[in-house]
Each structure stands twice: as structure tokens, then as C-alpha cells.
Protein backbone atom coordinates (compact mmCIF):
# COMPACT_ATOMS: atom_id res chain seq x y z
CA UNK A 1 -72.44 -37.21 -100.04
CA UNK A 2 -71.17 -38.38 -96.67
CA UNK A 3 -67.57 -39.15 -95.62
CA UNK A 4 -67.21 -42.69 -94.42
CA UNK A 5 -65.18 -43.41 -91.30
CA UNK A 6 -62.46 -44.79 -93.54
CA UNK A 7 -62.48 -41.65 -95.66
CA UNK A 8 -62.08 -39.47 -92.56
CA UNK A 9 -59.52 -41.59 -90.76
CA UNK A 10 -57.20 -42.10 -93.71
CA UNK A 11 -55.95 -38.50 -93.98
CA UNK A 12 -55.79 -38.24 -90.22
CA UNK A 13 -53.77 -41.43 -90.05
CA UNK A 14 -51.45 -40.16 -92.75
CA UNK A 15 -50.92 -36.87 -90.95
CA UNK A 16 -50.34 -38.61 -87.63
CA UNK A 17 -47.87 -40.92 -89.36
CA UNK A 18 -46.08 -37.88 -90.75
CA UNK A 19 -45.83 -36.38 -87.28
CA UNK A 20 -44.55 -39.67 -85.81
CA UNK A 21 -41.94 -39.90 -88.55
CA UNK A 22 -40.81 -36.38 -87.86
CA UNK A 23 -40.53 -37.13 -84.13
CA UNK A 24 -38.56 -40.31 -84.78
CA UNK A 25 -36.23 -38.61 -87.22
CA UNK A 26 -35.62 -35.75 -84.81
CA UNK A 27 -34.95 -38.17 -81.97
CA UNK A 28 -32.39 -39.94 -84.15
CA UNK A 29 -30.67 -36.62 -84.79
CA UNK A 30 -30.30 -35.93 -81.05
CA UNK A 31 -28.54 -39.12 -80.01
CA UNK A 32 -24.94 -39.47 -78.94
CA UNK A 33 -22.80 -41.87 -80.94
CA UNK A 34 -19.50 -43.41 -79.87
CA UNK A 35 -16.36 -42.12 -81.51
CA UNK A 36 -12.62 -42.57 -81.42
CA UNK A 37 -10.36 -44.76 -79.33
CA UNK A 38 -12.42 -44.59 -76.14
CA UNK A 39 -14.95 -47.33 -76.81
CA UNK A 40 -17.92 -47.52 -74.42
CA UNK A 41 -17.85 -50.42 -71.99
CA UNK A 42 -14.16 -51.23 -72.45
CA UNK A 43 -11.59 -50.82 -69.72
CA UNK A 44 -9.76 -47.51 -70.10
CA UNK A 45 -8.60 -44.48 -68.17
CA UNK A 46 -10.50 -41.19 -68.23
CA UNK A 47 -10.15 -38.30 -70.66
CA UNK A 48 -9.83 -35.14 -68.56
CA UNK A 49 -9.83 -32.45 -71.27
CA UNK A 50 -10.56 -32.01 -74.99
CA UNK A 51 -9.54 -29.00 -77.09
CA UNK A 52 -10.51 -27.99 -80.64
CA UNK A 53 -8.12 -26.11 -82.92
CA UNK A 54 -9.39 -22.60 -83.76
CA UNK A 55 -7.75 -22.91 -87.19
CA UNK A 56 -8.98 -26.38 -88.21
CA UNK A 57 -12.05 -27.76 -86.50
CA UNK A 58 -11.14 -31.36 -87.33
CA UNK A 59 -7.96 -31.15 -85.20
CA UNK A 60 -8.55 -32.23 -81.61
CA UNK A 61 -6.30 -32.69 -78.60
CA UNK A 62 -7.15 -34.83 -75.59
CA UNK A 63 -5.52 -34.99 -72.17
CA UNK A 64 -5.87 -38.50 -70.79
CA UNK A 65 -4.80 -40.46 -67.74
CA UNK A 66 -2.93 -43.45 -69.07
CA UNK A 67 -2.33 -42.35 -72.66
CA UNK A 68 -0.99 -38.86 -72.11
CA UNK A 69 -1.79 -36.22 -74.75
CA UNK A 70 -3.51 -37.56 -77.86
CA UNK A 71 -4.06 -35.80 -81.21
CA UNK A 72 -6.66 -36.34 -83.91
CA UNK A 73 -6.91 -34.77 -87.36
CA UNK A 74 -10.23 -36.40 -88.32
CA UNK A 75 -12.61 -35.07 -85.66
CA UNK A 76 -11.80 -37.82 -83.20
CA UNK A 77 -12.22 -40.88 -85.41
CA UNK A 78 -8.57 -41.83 -84.88
CA UNK A 79 -5.95 -40.67 -82.39
CA UNK A 80 -2.15 -40.76 -82.12
CA UNK A 81 0.15 -40.09 -79.18
CA UNK A 82 1.37 -36.48 -79.27
CA UNK A 83 4.01 -36.26 -76.50
CA UNK A 84 6.43 -39.14 -76.21
CA UNK A 85 7.02 -40.51 -72.73
CA UNK A 86 4.05 -38.75 -71.11
CA UNK A 87 1.45 -41.15 -69.74
CA UNK A 88 -0.86 -38.82 -67.81
CA UNK A 89 -2.14 -35.33 -68.58
CA UNK A 90 -4.77 -33.10 -67.02
CA UNK A 91 -5.52 -30.37 -69.52
CA UNK A 92 -5.06 -29.23 -73.13
CA UNK A 93 -5.82 -25.78 -74.54
CA UNK A 94 -5.48 -23.93 -77.85
CA UNK A 95 -4.67 -20.23 -77.80
CA UNK A 96 -7.60 -18.45 -79.56
CA UNK A 97 -5.33 -15.54 -80.55
CA UNK A 98 -2.62 -17.82 -81.96
CA UNK A 99 -4.45 -20.80 -83.43
CA UNK A 100 -1.31 -22.83 -84.07
CA UNK A 101 -0.29 -22.60 -80.41
CA UNK A 102 -1.42 -25.25 -77.95
CA UNK A 103 -0.62 -25.90 -74.30
CA UNK A 104 -0.77 -29.05 -72.18
CA UNK A 105 -0.60 -29.60 -68.44
CA UNK A 106 0.71 -33.00 -67.36
CA UNK A 107 0.46 -34.80 -64.05
CA UNK A 108 4.18 -35.35 -63.45
CA UNK A 109 6.16 -33.56 -66.21
CA UNK A 110 4.90 -29.99 -65.99
CA UNK A 111 3.89 -27.64 -68.78
CA UNK A 112 4.23 -28.30 -72.53
CA UNK A 113 3.84 -26.01 -75.52
CA UNK A 114 3.27 -26.65 -79.24
CA UNK A 115 3.41 -24.10 -82.07
CA UNK A 116 2.24 -26.43 -84.84
CA UNK A 117 -1.27 -27.43 -83.69
CA UNK A 118 -0.04 -30.19 -81.43
CA UNK A 119 2.28 -32.04 -83.82
CA UNK A 120 5.42 -31.41 -81.77
CA UNK A 121 5.88 -30.28 -78.17
CA UNK A 122 8.53 -28.85 -75.86
CA UNK A 123 8.56 -28.73 -72.06
CA UNK A 124 8.55 -25.21 -70.59
CA UNK A 125 9.01 -25.46 -66.84
CA UNK A 126 11.38 -22.63 -65.97
CA UNK A 127 10.13 -21.17 -62.68
CA UNK A 128 7.61 -23.94 -61.95
CA UNK A 129 8.13 -25.72 -58.66
CA UNK A 130 5.17 -28.05 -59.14
CA UNK A 131 5.20 -30.41 -62.14
CA UNK A 132 1.53 -31.32 -61.56
CA UNK A 133 -0.17 -28.79 -63.90
CA UNK A 134 -3.94 -29.18 -63.63
CA UNK A 135 -5.45 -26.14 -65.37
CA UNK A 136 -4.54 -23.53 -68.00
CA UNK A 137 -6.05 -20.21 -69.09
CA UNK A 138 -4.83 -17.50 -71.45
CA UNK A 139 -5.87 -14.00 -72.50
CA UNK A 140 -4.14 -10.92 -73.94
CA UNK A 141 -0.66 -12.41 -73.86
CA UNK A 142 -1.03 -13.76 -70.31
CA UNK A 143 -0.94 -17.49 -69.53
CA UNK A 144 -2.02 -18.91 -66.17
CA UNK A 145 -1.23 -22.38 -64.89
CA UNK A 146 -3.01 -23.93 -61.93
CA UNK A 147 -0.90 -26.60 -60.22
CA UNK A 148 -1.13 -28.91 -57.23
CA UNK A 149 0.78 -26.19 -55.35
CA UNK A 150 -0.70 -22.89 -56.38
CA UNK A 151 -0.95 -20.58 -59.39
CA UNK A 152 1.74 -19.44 -61.82
CA UNK A 153 1.71 -16.78 -64.52
CA UNK A 154 3.69 -16.29 -67.71
CA UNK A 155 3.85 -13.24 -69.98
CA UNK A 156 6.18 -14.84 -72.53
CA UNK A 157 4.08 -17.74 -73.75
CA UNK A 158 5.19 -20.17 -71.06
CA UNK A 159 8.94 -19.69 -71.52
CA UNK A 160 9.22 -18.59 -67.87
CA UNK A 161 6.89 -18.67 -64.89
CA UNK A 162 6.25 -16.52 -61.84
CA UNK A 163 4.48 -17.77 -58.73
CA UNK A 164 1.25 -16.00 -57.76
CA UNK A 165 0.93 -17.86 -54.47
CA UNK A 166 -1.82 -20.17 -53.12
CA UNK A 167 0.78 -22.93 -52.58
CA UNK A 168 -1.48 -24.67 -50.04
CA UNK A 169 -4.21 -25.22 -52.63
CA UNK A 170 -4.64 -27.77 -55.41
CA UNK A 171 -5.80 -25.51 -58.26
CA UNK A 172 -8.26 -27.32 -60.53
CA UNK A 173 -9.37 -24.23 -62.50
CA UNK A 174 -8.03 -20.82 -63.50
CA UNK A 175 -9.60 -17.98 -65.50
CA UNK A 176 -8.70 -14.51 -66.76
CA UNK A 177 -11.04 -11.55 -67.21
CA UNK A 178 -9.13 -8.84 -69.09
CA UNK A 179 -9.85 -5.16 -68.65
CA UNK A 180 -8.61 -1.96 -70.28
CA UNK A 181 -5.83 -1.50 -67.73
CA UNK A 182 -5.27 -4.89 -66.09
CA UNK A 183 -6.80 -8.34 -65.62
CA UNK A 184 -8.81 -10.02 -62.92
CA UNK A 185 -7.57 -13.56 -62.39
CA UNK A 186 -9.49 -16.35 -60.70
CA UNK A 187 -8.39 -19.62 -59.14
CA UNK A 188 -10.62 -22.49 -58.10
CA UNK A 189 -9.42 -25.29 -55.82
CA UNK A 190 -10.77 -28.76 -55.17
CA UNK A 191 -8.31 -29.74 -52.46
CA UNK A 192 -5.99 -28.21 -49.88
CA UNK A 193 -6.22 -25.74 -47.03
CA UNK A 194 -8.89 -23.36 -48.23
CA UNK A 195 -9.67 -21.32 -45.17
CA UNK A 196 -13.01 -19.63 -45.90
CA UNK A 197 -13.49 -20.61 -49.54
CA UNK A 198 -12.24 -22.50 -52.58
CA UNK A 199 -12.73 -19.72 -55.17
CA UNK A 200 -10.34 -16.78 -55.06
CA UNK A 201 -9.60 -13.76 -57.23
CA UNK A 202 -6.83 -11.25 -57.61
CA UNK A 203 -6.84 -7.88 -59.33
CA UNK A 204 -3.72 -7.97 -61.46
CA UNK A 205 -0.70 -10.24 -61.02
CA UNK A 206 0.41 -9.09 -57.59
CA UNK A 207 -0.70 -12.34 -55.98
CA UNK A 208 -3.03 -10.55 -53.57
CA UNK A 209 -5.84 -13.09 -53.40
CA UNK A 210 -9.24 -12.62 -51.82
CA UNK A 211 -11.86 -15.28 -51.23
CA UNK A 212 -14.85 -14.73 -53.52
CA UNK A 213 -18.03 -13.90 -51.62
CA UNK A 214 -21.23 -12.52 -53.16
CA UNK A 215 -23.49 -15.53 -52.57
CA UNK A 216 -20.83 -18.02 -53.64
CA UNK A 217 -20.86 -21.10 -51.35
CA UNK A 218 -17.72 -21.09 -49.22
CA UNK A 219 -17.69 -24.86 -48.72
CA UNK A 220 -18.07 -25.77 -52.41
CA UNK A 221 -14.95 -27.03 -54.15
CA UNK A 222 -14.38 -25.65 -57.65
CA UNK A 223 -13.67 -27.95 -60.58
CA UNK A 224 -13.99 -25.59 -63.56
CA UNK A 225 -14.08 -21.94 -64.59
CA UNK A 226 -15.17 -20.56 -67.95
CA UNK A 227 -15.18 -17.04 -69.37
CA UNK A 228 -17.33 -16.10 -72.38
CA UNK A 229 -15.70 -14.54 -75.42
CA UNK A 230 -18.15 -11.61 -75.35
CA UNK A 231 -20.69 -9.98 -73.01
CA UNK A 232 -24.01 -11.74 -72.58
CA UNK A 233 -26.64 -9.82 -70.65
CA UNK A 234 -24.13 -7.36 -69.17
CA UNK A 235 -21.21 -5.08 -69.94
CA UNK A 236 -18.54 -7.69 -69.11
CA UNK A 237 -18.20 -11.26 -70.34
CA UNK A 238 -19.94 -13.66 -67.93
CA UNK A 239 -18.02 -16.12 -65.80
CA UNK A 240 -19.14 -19.64 -64.88
CA UNK A 241 -17.93 -21.77 -61.99
CA UNK A 242 -18.59 -25.49 -61.86
CA UNK A 243 -18.69 -26.61 -58.23
CA UNK A 244 -19.60 -29.53 -56.00
CA UNK A 245 -22.90 -27.74 -55.36
CA UNK A 246 -23.96 -26.88 -58.89
CA UNK A 247 -23.16 -24.30 -61.55
CA UNK A 248 -22.78 -20.60 -60.65
CA UNK A 249 -22.68 -17.50 -62.84
CA UNK A 250 -21.33 -13.98 -62.40
CA UNK A 251 -21.96 -11.02 -64.72
CA UNK A 252 -20.02 -8.42 -62.70
CA UNK A 253 -16.43 -9.71 -62.77
CA UNK A 254 -16.97 -12.07 -59.88
CA UNK A 255 -18.43 -9.58 -57.39
CA UNK A 256 -21.75 -11.44 -57.07
CA UNK A 257 -22.83 -14.94 -58.07
CA UNK A 258 -26.09 -16.73 -58.77
CA UNK A 259 -26.79 -20.47 -58.88
CA UNK A 260 -28.20 -21.49 -62.25
CA UNK A 261 -31.62 -23.07 -61.76
CA UNK A 262 -32.87 -26.01 -63.77
CA UNK A 263 -29.77 -28.11 -63.13
CA UNK A 264 -29.23 -30.86 -60.58
CA UNK A 265 -27.48 -29.77 -57.39
CA UNK A 266 -24.53 -31.96 -58.12
CA UNK A 267 -20.90 -31.87 -59.20
CA UNK A 268 -20.35 -29.78 -62.32
CA UNK A 269 -16.78 -30.24 -63.45
CA UNK A 270 -17.11 -28.68 -66.93
CA UNK A 271 -18.64 -25.43 -68.17
CA UNK A 272 -18.31 -24.29 -71.77
CA UNK A 273 -19.48 -21.18 -73.63
CA UNK A 274 -20.01 -21.33 -77.37
CA UNK A 275 -17.24 -18.97 -78.62
CA UNK A 276 -19.53 -17.78 -81.43
CA UNK A 277 -22.50 -17.04 -79.15
CA UNK A 278 -22.08 -16.35 -75.43
CA UNK A 279 -25.80 -17.01 -74.85
CA UNK A 280 -25.26 -20.72 -75.58
CA UNK A 281 -23.74 -22.76 -72.74
CA UNK A 282 -22.87 -26.41 -72.27
CA UNK A 283 -22.19 -28.07 -68.91
CA UNK A 284 -20.96 -31.51 -67.93
CA UNK A 285 -21.56 -33.29 -64.64
CA UNK A 286 -20.19 -36.47 -63.11
CA UNK A 287 -22.84 -36.58 -60.38
CA UNK A 288 -22.81 -39.69 -58.20
CA UNK A 289 -26.56 -40.29 -57.97
CA UNK A 290 -27.30 -40.60 -61.67
CA UNK A 291 -27.54 -36.83 -62.07
CA UNK A 292 -24.56 -36.62 -64.39
CA UNK A 293 -24.66 -35.94 -68.10
CA UNK A 294 -24.46 -33.11 -70.60
CA UNK A 295 -26.79 -30.12 -70.25
CA UNK A 296 -27.41 -27.24 -72.64
CA UNK A 297 -28.84 -23.74 -72.35
CA UNK A 298 -29.65 -21.45 -75.28
CA UNK A 299 -30.75 -18.48 -73.17
CA UNK A 300 -27.72 -17.49 -71.05
CA UNK A 301 -28.44 -20.19 -68.48
CA UNK A 302 -32.02 -19.15 -67.70
CA UNK A 303 -33.29 -22.61 -68.65
CA UNK A 304 -31.60 -25.95 -69.21
CA UNK A 305 -32.32 -29.32 -70.76
CA UNK A 306 -30.54 -32.64 -70.82
CA UNK A 307 -28.73 -32.68 -74.14
CA UNK A 308 -29.18 -35.75 -76.32
CA UNK A 309 -29.79 -39.40 -75.56
CA UNK A 310 -27.55 -42.44 -75.76
CA UNK A 311 -24.99 -41.75 -73.04
CA UNK A 312 -24.29 -44.50 -70.50
CA UNK A 313 -26.64 -44.98 -67.56
CA UNK A 314 -25.70 -42.55 -64.78
CA UNK A 315 -23.09 -40.88 -66.99
CA UNK A 316 -20.03 -39.23 -65.46
CA UNK A 317 -18.84 -36.61 -67.94
CA UNK A 318 -15.14 -35.83 -67.65
CA UNK A 319 -14.49 -33.70 -70.77
CA UNK A 320 -16.48 -31.59 -73.20
CA UNK A 321 -15.70 -29.60 -76.36
CA UNK A 322 -17.54 -27.86 -79.20
CA UNK A 323 -16.44 -28.17 -82.83
CA UNK A 324 -17.48 -25.19 -85.01
CA UNK A 325 -18.58 -27.32 -87.93
CA UNK A 326 -21.85 -26.85 -89.79
CA UNK A 327 -23.80 -28.09 -87.93
CA UNK A 328 -21.78 -27.76 -84.76
CA UNK A 329 -20.61 -30.96 -83.10
CA UNK A 330 -20.33 -31.54 -79.36
CA UNK A 331 -17.72 -34.05 -78.20
CA UNK A 332 -17.87 -35.58 -74.73
CA UNK A 333 -15.94 -38.13 -72.70
CA UNK A 334 -17.45 -40.27 -69.96
CA UNK A 335 -15.86 -42.53 -67.39
CA UNK A 336 -17.22 -45.08 -64.92
CA UNK A 337 -14.83 -45.48 -61.98
CA UNK A 338 -16.78 -48.49 -60.70
CA UNK A 339 -16.23 -50.58 -63.83
CA UNK A 340 -13.09 -48.77 -64.98
CA UNK A 341 -14.62 -48.18 -68.41
CA UNK A 342 -14.49 -45.03 -70.52
CA UNK A 343 -16.15 -43.83 -73.71
CA UNK A 344 -16.01 -40.93 -76.14
CA UNK A 345 -19.14 -39.60 -77.83
CA UNK A 346 -20.29 -36.96 -80.28
CA UNK A 347 -23.58 -35.35 -81.26
CA UNK A 348 -24.67 -32.72 -83.76
CA UNK A 349 -26.21 -29.51 -82.44
CA UNK A 350 -27.94 -27.63 -85.29
CA UNK A 351 -29.16 -25.03 -82.78
CA UNK A 352 -25.63 -23.83 -82.06
CA UNK A 353 -24.29 -20.71 -83.71
CA UNK A 354 -21.30 -21.51 -85.91
CA UNK A 355 -18.70 -19.19 -87.34
CA UNK A 356 -15.37 -19.31 -89.16
CA UNK A 357 -14.33 -22.84 -90.07
CA UNK A 358 -16.41 -25.55 -91.73
CA UNK A 359 -16.21 -29.29 -92.11
CA UNK A 360 -13.72 -28.84 -94.96
CA UNK A 361 -11.30 -26.88 -92.77
CA UNK A 362 -8.76 -29.68 -92.43
CA UNK A 363 -5.07 -29.14 -91.79
CA UNK A 364 -2.90 -29.20 -94.88
CA UNK A 365 -0.08 -31.72 -94.94
CA UNK A 366 2.16 -29.26 -96.75
CA UNK A 367 1.25 -25.91 -95.22
CA UNK A 368 1.95 -24.52 -91.77
CA UNK A 369 -0.95 -23.32 -89.62
CA UNK A 370 -1.42 -19.59 -89.55
CA UNK A 371 -0.28 -17.73 -86.44
CA UNK A 372 -3.10 -15.20 -86.80
CA UNK A 373 -6.77 -15.68 -86.03
CA UNK A 374 -8.97 -16.79 -88.89
CA UNK A 375 -12.04 -14.97 -87.62
CA UNK A 376 -11.05 -11.73 -89.32
CA UNK A 377 -9.70 -13.31 -92.45
CA UNK A 378 -12.78 -12.85 -94.53
CA UNK A 379 -14.33 -16.20 -93.69
CA UNK A 380 -18.04 -16.97 -93.92
CA UNK A 381 -20.34 -14.90 -91.75
CA UNK A 382 -21.64 -16.49 -88.55
CA UNK A 383 -24.70 -18.66 -89.05
CA UNK A 384 -27.31 -17.90 -86.40
CA UNK A 385 -30.04 -20.51 -86.08
CA UNK A 386 -33.47 -18.98 -85.80
CA UNK A 387 -34.85 -21.59 -83.45
CA UNK A 388 -33.56 -22.41 -80.02
CA UNK A 389 -34.32 -26.10 -80.54
CA UNK A 390 -33.99 -27.37 -84.09
CA UNK A 391 -36.79 -29.87 -83.76
CA UNK A 392 -39.39 -27.21 -83.11
CA UNK A 393 -39.48 -25.91 -86.66
CA UNK A 394 -39.98 -29.41 -88.02
CA UNK A 395 -42.59 -30.23 -85.43
CA UNK A 396 -44.42 -27.01 -86.30
CA UNK A 397 -44.74 -27.99 -89.96
CA UNK A 398 -46.24 -31.37 -89.13
CA UNK A 399 -48.54 -30.04 -86.41
CA UNK A 400 -49.73 -27.19 -88.64
CA UNK A 401 -50.52 -29.65 -91.44
CA UNK A 402 -52.40 -31.90 -89.03
CA UNK A 403 -54.43 -29.00 -87.60
CA UNK A 404 -55.25 -27.67 -91.07
CA UNK A 405 -56.42 -31.09 -92.19
CA UNK A 406 -58.57 -31.44 -89.11
CA UNK A 407 -60.12 -28.02 -89.71
CA UNK A 408 -61.01 -28.96 -93.30
CA UNK A 409 -62.59 -32.23 -92.16
CA UNK A 410 -64.63 -30.54 -89.41
CA UNK A 411 -65.82 -27.84 -91.79
CA UNK A 412 -66.88 -30.44 -94.34
CA UNK A 413 -68.77 -32.47 -91.75
CA UNK A 414 -70.52 -29.35 -90.46
CA UNK A 415 -71.60 -28.48 -94.02
CA UNK A 416 -72.92 -32.01 -94.64
CA UNK A 417 -74.83 -31.92 -91.34
CA UNK A 418 -76.47 -28.61 -92.35
CA UNK A 419 -77.44 -30.06 -95.68
CA UNK A 420 -78.97 -33.11 -93.98
CA UNK A 421 -80.96 -30.92 -91.59
CA UNK A 422 -82.28 -28.76 -94.42
CA UNK A 423 -83.39 -31.81 -96.40
CA UNK A 424 -85.79 -32.85 -93.58
CA UNK A 425 -87.44 -29.45 -93.16
CA UNK A 426 -91.06 -29.10 -94.46
């Protein structure tokens, strides 16, 4: 018995159709969708910062230019104004050690603090001489504020501030690397009199700043700094610097730096480590030549890929955050200064490690947020995805089925051909 062409092509067609379906389904799962008040294509001001509550992943804060500080309790579907009378804000942050505590830096009204996950706020400006607060970092009871006129520190949760100098610099980013005896603090500037560099560090809070060297470009302005929650490839947590000349990484407390290959040499104004897995990094760029967008690495920055589809053409990413849902959700904000339009987007990332809270971790209307971290409260164990890219496992199933089917067909045809040859032998 011979297989007809139709008999052979039908299973192949079915298998190919299966593979195409898998590819289409996977592509659908990796597309950005619009969310919240910032509707794509409509006139709006940019979102400069997004923060996710460590206690309840559905609670988000956003610092915007034009709407001030906004708060959402439904993962960004709806937003309400959080600080009355504040129209413009630069940055919002939650304290990972005190999940109910949040901080906001405004453009004209200084520093604000909330102890109820952003429901109510109070100004805390004692000791600040600049009310233009552009960046915030915290670690081990220390809070840093980067302003349009230097860096300030607080050891009492923002109740009072002490100047650390750098008054001639507009500080767009600050970071803290704790140690057993002290802390190394970093400040990145994107404007002002920089001298020989825009990235500086100080050992301790003495205000003795030194320009960072170690292969770091002296003429690159610094828009963002990020510190991982745990070591990744070294003994200290890695540090990332988003600059006008790309993304740089240090694994030795800022002594030496390396440019991360696989990314466009463009403006990187956002860098974000996954708190549950320091090997997983997200970066946002607002590059002028169409090089902007969201990029992701699952191997400590050794390789990168453009993350998702569906963002605007030549996207300029202004804010980025990771929600520890299951699967994890990435939230991004984009802005087009040419058209004056802004948009907010979200995408699922099943490859991201998630830990602690889940989609059901919503704030209770009757209970107060806990002032202690939830990570040690007996929550679910971290979920580590086995595959770096979630589509690969699905692709493998379809490809394996297709190859197996092809092998069966080839073996059958070879057997039939042998039988035909034997039938003609004398």
C-alpha cells in the first residue's frame, strides 16, 4: 500500500497548523495593551515614575507632570489624585522594609511621605533648601533625596534633612549600597556643573564625593541608578546606571563599570531589577532615533531582547515598574513630546520570577497595611520559571511533534520503497 500525496500532506499540514497556532498564541501573549488614564494618542503630560506596593501588588503610585501623584488600587485600571494641590511630581517610591510607607518627590513642593500606602500624605521639608525633588532612594533606615541643587540625607524617615553637597548639580538619580559598617551612596546628574563626570560616589554620609571612574564615560549624563536586592554574579549586589550613552553595570560597588552589550547606544533613563531575582533586568529608553522601548535580560545583562510588541512607533519610555503577580506584570509609560501624547501600557511576563503577593493581594478597606515586610510572613515560596523565554517550551512541544511525525512518514516511505524494490527482483 502506498501513501498518496494527500495522505502524506494532511498530517504535515495539521502539524504545521499546530505550530502556527502556537506561534500566534504566543505572539498574542507578548503584546503590550493600553491601561489606565493615560490613553495612547491623546494629549497628556508624561508619567515620570511608577511604584508598586510591596504589600499589595494591585496598589500603584504614579508621579506625573500635570496630574501630580496618582494612586490606583486596581493595577492601574483607574487612578485618583493622591496629593491635593500638587500638579507636578518627579518620583514615587515604596519602602521595601516598611511596605505601608511611600515617598514622593515633587517639582515645586518638596518631599512628601505617606504611611498608609499612599492614601494620605504630609510634606516633610525640614532642612531642604530645594523644593525640586527629582530622585529618592532608601536602605537600612537611610533615605536619600536628589534635588535640583544637590543631595540630601535623612535618618529619621524624612522628618529632617541634612545636605550632602553637590549643590551645583541637578541630581536625577541616587542609590545606596549598604555594607556591614557603612553605606556607599551614589548620585547621578543630568544637568549642572559636573567638572569631570556626572556620576559621583561617597563612602558614608560625610559628603566627600568623588567622580566615578573605572571605564565610566565622563561626558555621559546619568538619568537612573538601580541596585539589586541581592548579589548576582558577585559578592555585592550589582548596580546599574542608565546614561545618555547606554546602560552600564558595576559588580564591585562602583569601582569599575562595563557597558552592557546588546542594547542600543542611546538614552537609558530607567533600569529595574526584579526584586525576586537579581538576574532579571528591565530597561527603558526614550532614544530619539527610534531606538527607544522596553528591553529585558534574563541572564544578568549578558544578552537582551526587545520586550513585547504593541508600543507606539519610536517609543519614548518614561516610567517602568514590575508587579509581582502570577504571572508578573510589567507596567510602562510612554510619551511623545512632538505630539504631546502619552500612554500607559502593561504586559504579562511569565518568565519573571515571582514571590510573595499574588493577584488576590488587594488592600482591605477595613484593615491597615502592615508595617513589616510580608516576605518573611510565611507567604508562598518564590516561583522560578524553568525557561528563560516562556514561548520556548511551547514551541518545543509543537516542533517535537512535527519532527516525530516527519520521522514516522519517512520511515514508512522507506519501508514501502524497499518492498517495491524486492517485488521486482527475480
